[in-house]
Protein backbone atom coordinates (compact mmCIF):
# COMPACT_ATOMS: atom_id res chain seq x y z
CA MET A 1 -64.20 -87.82 48.64
CA ASN A 2 -63.55 -90.34 46.52
CA ARG A 3 -60.28 -89.49 43.57
CA THR A 4 -59.12 -92.05 41.30
CA PRO A 5 -55.76 -90.96 39.85
CA THR A 6 -54.88 -89.69 36.73
CA THR A 7 -53.01 -92.05 34.03
CA ALA A 8 -51.36 -91.81 30.79
CA VAL A 9 -53.73 -92.82 27.74
CA ALA A 10 -53.31 -95.84 26.77
CA VAL A 11 -51.88 -96.24 22.80
CA PRO A 12 -52.03 -99.27 21.24
CA LEU A 13 -47.96 -100.71 20.60
CA GLU A 14 -48.80 -101.03 17.04
CA LEU A 15 -50.11 -97.14 16.78
CA LEU A 16 -46.59 -96.33 18.32
CA LYS A 17 -44.23 -98.19 16.02
CA SER A 18 -46.41 -96.54 13.09
CA ARG A 19 -44.89 -94.05 10.51
CA THR A 20 -46.99 -91.49 11.03
CA ILE A 21 -46.42 -91.24 14.55
CA ARG A 22 -42.70 -91.24 14.04
CA VAL A 23 -42.80 -88.40 11.11
CA LEU A 24 -45.22 -86.19 13.45
CA THR A 25 -42.99 -86.35 16.55
CA GLU A 26 -39.86 -85.88 14.43
CA SER A 27 -41.05 -82.79 12.48
CA PHE A 28 -42.43 -81.09 15.88
CA GLN A 29 -38.90 -81.65 17.76
CA GLU A 30 -37.50 -79.84 14.59
CA ALA A 31 -39.84 -77.58 14.94
CA PHE A 32 -39.22 -77.01 18.60
CA THR A 33 -35.62 -76.91 18.06
CA ALA A 34 -35.93 -74.35 15.24
CA ALA A 35 -38.27 -71.74 17.89
CA TYR A 36 -35.89 -72.70 20.70
CA ASP A 37 -32.65 -71.47 18.86
CA GLU A 38 -33.92 -68.27 17.50
CA GLU A 39 -35.22 -67.66 20.97
CA ARG A 40 -31.59 -68.13 21.86
CA ALA A 41 -30.07 -65.79 19.44
CA ARG A 42 -32.64 -63.18 20.02
CA LYS A 43 -31.83 -63.14 24.12
CA ASP A 44 -28.14 -63.47 22.95
CA THR A 45 -28.20 -60.26 20.83
CA ALA A 46 -30.20 -58.53 23.36
CA LYS A 47 -27.81 -59.17 25.72
CA ARG A 48 -24.81 -57.77 23.64
CA ARG A 49 -26.82 -54.86 23.10
CA LEU A 50 -27.40 -54.07 26.98
CA LEU A 51 -23.44 -54.79 27.61
CA THR A 52 -22.72 -52.34 25.10
CA GLU A 53 -24.71 -49.76 26.39
CA LEU A 54 -24.06 -50.32 29.70
CA LEU A 55 -20.13 -50.39 28.83
CA GLY A 56 -21.07 -47.12 26.83
CA ALA A 57 -22.52 -45.55 29.71
CA ASP A 58 -21.23 -42.61 31.62
CA GLU A 59 -22.36 -42.64 35.12
CA PHE A 60 -21.71 -39.05 35.68
CA ALA A 61 -22.88 -37.24 32.65
CA ASN A 62 -26.43 -35.97 32.24
CA PRO A 63 -27.53 -34.98 29.23
CA GLN A 64 -31.12 -33.31 30.50
CA PRO A 65 -30.56 -30.02 32.53
CA HIS A 66 -30.92 -30.43 36.22
CA GLU A 67 -33.72 -29.08 38.42
CA ASP A 68 -34.15 -29.12 41.78
CA TYR A 69 -37.30 -30.79 43.34
CA ARG A 70 -39.31 -27.98 45.44
CA PRO A 71 -43.00 -29.41 46.78
CA GLY A 72 -45.65 -27.47 45.86
CA THR A 73 -44.46 -25.74 42.45
CA ALA A 74 -45.36 -27.03 39.49
């Protein structure tokens, strides 16, 4: 089986220098950065909420009534 290696598409240099490509690239970078920052903020908020809950939890308190498990009873 003869496979040819895949390569990047050749783009003319003049096209890469065009204002349109630059504007598209910069707008994509700004959108990516905004989305990344939003996701990071959500993740940090979730971490803080979880830490608050964990620090406020009493490991030995059980607010629900305790029932022993007995096989065969419903």
